[in-house]
């Protein structure tokens, strides 16, 4: 049984991924803002950078939630935690996909 004081080995890589992706997302938003002020046209392919960064934020956030809710749960409560967690994951990724699809469609129609 692992020591309760020792963090899970995936915790640090997930935190690094999450904060790196947030930084990349903020930098790309700033860069897009400066490009918009200059009046330069922005290729839709550049939107893959914030889309990938936001997906990395979501996935690392989901991974950290898994460690907190499912891995740390008592054995008798794990099945219930896994079901609730699975519904939450489907919802979060669905919201992300919906937002990305709406953004792409609005750019295609413009």
C-alpha atoms as a PDB file:
ATOM      1  CA  UNK A   1       0.000   0.000   0.000  1.00  0.00           C
ATOM      2  CA  UNK A   2       1.494   3.389  -0.964  1.00  0.00           C
ATOM      3  CA  UNK A   3       2.334   5.902   1.714  1.00  0.00           C
ATOM      4  CA  UNK A   4      -0.496   8.411   2.235  1.00  0.00           C
ATOM      5  CA  UNK A   5       1.991  11.292   2.410  1.00  0.00           C
ATOM      6  CA  UNK A   6       3.541  10.490  -0.972  1.00  0.00           C
ATOM      7  CA  UNK A   7       1.800  12.073  -3.978  1.00  0.00           C
ATOM      8  CA  UNK A   8       0.801   9.876  -6.882  1.00  0.00           C
ATOM      9  CA  UNK A   9       3.587   9.630  -9.516  1.00  0.00           C
ATOM     10  CA  UNK A  10       1.285  11.100 -12.197  1.00  0.00           C
ATOM     11  CA  UNK A  11       0.467  14.229 -10.172  1.00  0.00           C
ATOM     12  CA  UNK A  12       3.587  16.240 -11.024  1.00  0.00           C
ATOM     13  CA  UNK A  13       3.540  15.538 -14.811  1.00  0.00           C
ATOM     14  CA  UNK A  14      -0.175  16.385 -14.926  1.00  0.00           C
ATOM     15  CA  UNK A  15       0.393  19.678 -13.099  1.00  0.00           C
ATOM     16  CA  UNK A  16       3.299  20.560 -15.391  1.00  0.00           C
ATOM     17  CA  UNK A  17       1.180  19.752 -18.457  1.00  0.00           C
ATOM     18  CA  UNK A  18      -1.767  21.752 -17.180  1.00  0.00           C
ATOM     19  CA  UNK A  19       0.168  24.917 -16.362  1.00  0.00           C
ATOM     20  CA  UNK A  20       2.295  24.719 -19.524  1.00  0.00           C
ATOM     21  CA  UNK A  21      -0.870  24.395 -21.611  1.00  0.00           C
ATOM     22  CA  UNK A  22      -2.496  27.331 -19.783  1.00  0.00           C
ATOM     23  CA  UNK A  23       0.607  29.447 -20.475  1.00  0.00           C
ATOM     24  CA  UNK A  24       0.563  28.439 -24.152  1.00  0.00           C
ATOM     25  CA  UNK A  25      -3.146  29.231 -24.335  1.00  0.00           C
ATOM     26  CA  UNK A  26      -2.636  32.702 -22.836  1.00  0.00           C
ATOM     27  CA  UNK A  27       0.351  33.457 -25.095  1.00  0.00           C
ATOM     28  CA  UNK A  28      -1.577  32.383 -28.194  1.00  0.00           C
ATOM     29  CA  UNK A  29      -4.558  34.522 -27.172  1.00  0.00           C
ATOM     30  CA  UNK A  30      -2.261  37.524 -26.721  1.00  0.00           C
ATOM     31  CA  UNK A  31      -0.625  36.880 -30.074  1.00  0.00           C
ATOM     32  CA  UNK A  32      -4.019  36.571 -31.799  1.00  0.00           C
ATOM     33  CA  UNK A  33      -5.110  39.827 -30.152  1.00  0.00           C
ATOM     34  CA  UNK A  34      -2.046  41.681 -31.429  1.00  0.00           C
ATOM     35  CA  UNK A  35      -2.588  40.254 -34.920  1.00  0.00           C
ATOM     36  CA  UNK A  36      -6.218  41.395 -34.853  1.00  0.00           C
ATOM     37  CA  UNK A  37      -5.187  44.949 -33.898  1.00  0.00           C
ATOM     38  CA  UNK A  38      -2.822  45.045 -36.873  1.00  0.00           C
ATOM     39  CA  UNK A  39      -5.678  44.014 -39.154  1.00  0.00           C
ATOM     40  CA  UNK A  40      -3.784  40.977 -40.423  1.00  0.00           C
ATOM     41  CA  UNK A  41      -5.839  38.018 -41.578  1.00  0.00           C
ATOM     42  CA  UNK A  42      -5.550  34.973 -39.382  1.00  0.00           C
ATOM     43  CA  UNK A  43      -5.437  31.527 -40.929  1.00  0.00           C
ATOM     44  CA  UNK A  44      -7.851  29.101 -39.283  1.00  0.00           C
ATOM     45  CA  UNK A  45      -4.985  26.605 -39.020  1.00  0.00           C
ATOM     46  CA  UNK A  46      -3.436  28.802 -36.311  1.00  0.00           C
ATOM     47  CA  UNK A  47      -6.455  27.998 -34.149  1.00  0.00           C
ATOM     48  CA  UNK A  48      -5.103  24.481 -33.742  1.00  0.00           C
ATOM     49  CA  UNK A  49      -2.604  25.872 -31.200  1.00  0.00           C
ATOM     50  CA  UNK A  50      -5.185  27.120 -28.663  1.00  0.00           C
ATOM     51  CA  UNK A  51      -7.442  24.148 -29.430  1.00  0.00           C
ATOM     52  CA  UNK A  52      -4.656  21.689 -28.606  1.00  0.00           C
ATOM     53  CA  UNK A  53      -3.640  23.727 -25.555  1.00  0.00           C
ATOM     54  CA  UNK A  54      -7.199  23.829 -24.243  1.00  0.00           C
ATOM     55  CA  UNK A  55      -7.542  20.081 -24.801  1.00  0.00           C
ATOM     56  CA  UNK A  56      -4.304  19.523 -22.863  1.00  0.00           C
ATOM     57  CA  UNK A  57      -5.684  21.673 -20.029  1.00  0.00           C
ATOM     58  CA  UNK A  58      -8.913  19.666 -19.973  1.00  0.00           C
ATOM     59  CA  UNK A  59      -7.166  16.288 -20.086  1.00  0.00           C
ATOM     60  CA  UNK A  60      -4.656  17.147 -17.366  1.00  0.00           C
ATOM     61  CA  UNK A  61      -7.460  18.610 -15.246  1.00  0.00           C
ATOM     62  CA  UNK A  62      -9.448  15.402 -15.740  1.00  0.00           C
ATOM     63  CA  UNK A  63      -6.369  13.348 -14.812  1.00  0.00           C
ATOM     64  CA  UNK A  64      -5.882  15.324 -11.611  1.00  0.00           C
ATOM     65  CA  UNK A  65      -9.572  14.919 -10.760  1.00  0.00           C
ATOM     66  CA  UNK A  66      -9.238  11.175 -11.333  1.00  0.00           C
ATOM     67  CA  UNK A  67      -6.349  11.027  -8.885  1.00  0.00           C
ATOM     68  CA  UNK A  68      -8.297  13.024  -6.319  1.00  0.00           C
ATOM     69  CA  UNK A  69     -11.711  11.342  -6.655  1.00  0.00           C
ATOM     70  CA  UNK A  70     -11.203   7.795  -7.882  1.00  0.00           C
ATOM     71  CA  UNK A  71      -7.707   6.712  -6.865  1.00  0.00           C
ATOM     72  CA  UNK A  72      -8.079   8.198  -3.375  1.00  0.00           C
ATOM     73  CA  UNK A  73     -11.556   6.712  -2.838  1.00  0.00           C
ATOM     74  CA  UNK A  74     -12.169   3.818  -0.493  1.00  0.00           C
ATOM     75  CA  UNK A  75     -12.443   0.429  -2.194  1.00  0.00           C
ATOM     76  CA  UNK A  76     -16.148   0.054  -1.497  1.00  0.00           C
ATOM     77  CA  UNK A  77     -16.939   3.434  -3.059  1.00  0.00           C
ATOM     78  CA  UNK A  78     -14.733   3.181  -6.163  1.00  0.00           C
ATOM     79  CA  UNK A  79     -17.435   1.842  -8.526  1.00  0.00           C
ATOM     80  CA  UNK A  80     -19.735   4.762  -7.699  1.00  0.00           C
ATOM     81  CA  UNK A  81     -16.887   7.248  -8.053  1.00  0.00           C
ATOM     82  CA  UNK A  82     -15.917   5.769 -11.427  1.00  0.00           C
ATOM     83  CA  UNK A  83     -19.474   6.100 -12.771  1.00  0.00           C
ATOM     84  CA  UNK A  84     -19.827   9.707 -11.627  1.00  0.00           C
ATOM     85  CA  UNK A  85     -16.337  10.514 -12.884  1.00  0.00           C
ATOM     86  CA  UNK A  86     -17.072   8.942 -16.288  1.00  0.00           C
ATOM     87  CA  UNK A  87     -20.198  11.083 -16.675  1.00  0.00           C
ATOM     88  CA  UNK A  88     -18.203  14.172 -15.744  1.00  0.00           C
ATOM     89  CA  UNK A  89     -15.478  13.331 -18.269  1.00  0.00           C
ATOM     90  CA  UNK A  90     -18.018  12.814 -21.050  1.00  0.00           C
ATOM     91  CA  UNK A  91     -19.646  16.145 -20.169  1.00  0.00           C
ATOM     92  CA  UNK A  92     -16.369  18.096 -20.043  1.00  0.00           C
ATOM     93  CA  UNK A  93     -15.041  16.689 -23.299  1.00  0.00           C
ATOM     94  CA  UNK A  94     -18.438  17.206 -24.938  1.00  0.00           C
ATOM     95  CA  UNK A  95     -18.449  20.867 -23.916  1.00  0.00           C
ATOM     96  CA  UNK A  96     -14.894  21.239 -25.253  1.00  0.00           C
ATOM     97  CA  UNK A  97     -15.811  19.590 -28.584  1.00  0.00           C
ATOM     98  CA  UNK A  98     -18.968  21.713 -28.864  1.00  0.00           C
ATOM     99  CA  UNK A  99     -16.975  24.912 -28.299  1.00  0.00           C
ATOM    100  CA  UNK A 100     -14.299  23.949 -30.823  1.00  0.00           C
ATOM    101  CA  UNK A 101     -16.909  22.938 -33.418  1.00  0.00           C
ATOM    102  CA  UNK A 102     -18.875  26.173 -32.971  1.00  0.00           C
ATOM    103  CA  UNK A 103     -15.717  28.239 -33.303  1.00  0.00           C
ATOM    104  CA  UNK A 104     -14.686  26.405 -36.462  1.00  0.00           C
ATOM    105  CA  UNK A 105     -18.177  26.698 -37.981  1.00  0.00           C
ATOM    106  CA  UNK A 106     -18.409  30.416 -37.200  1.00  0.00           C
ATOM    107  CA  UNK A 107     -15.036  30.984 -38.887  1.00  0.00           C
ATOM    108  CA  UNK A 108     -16.085  28.959 -41.907  1.00  0.00           C
ATOM    109  CA  UNK A 109     -19.294  30.995 -42.296  1.00  0.00           C
ATOM    110  CA  UNK A 110     -17.582  34.365 -41.924  1.00  0.00           C
END
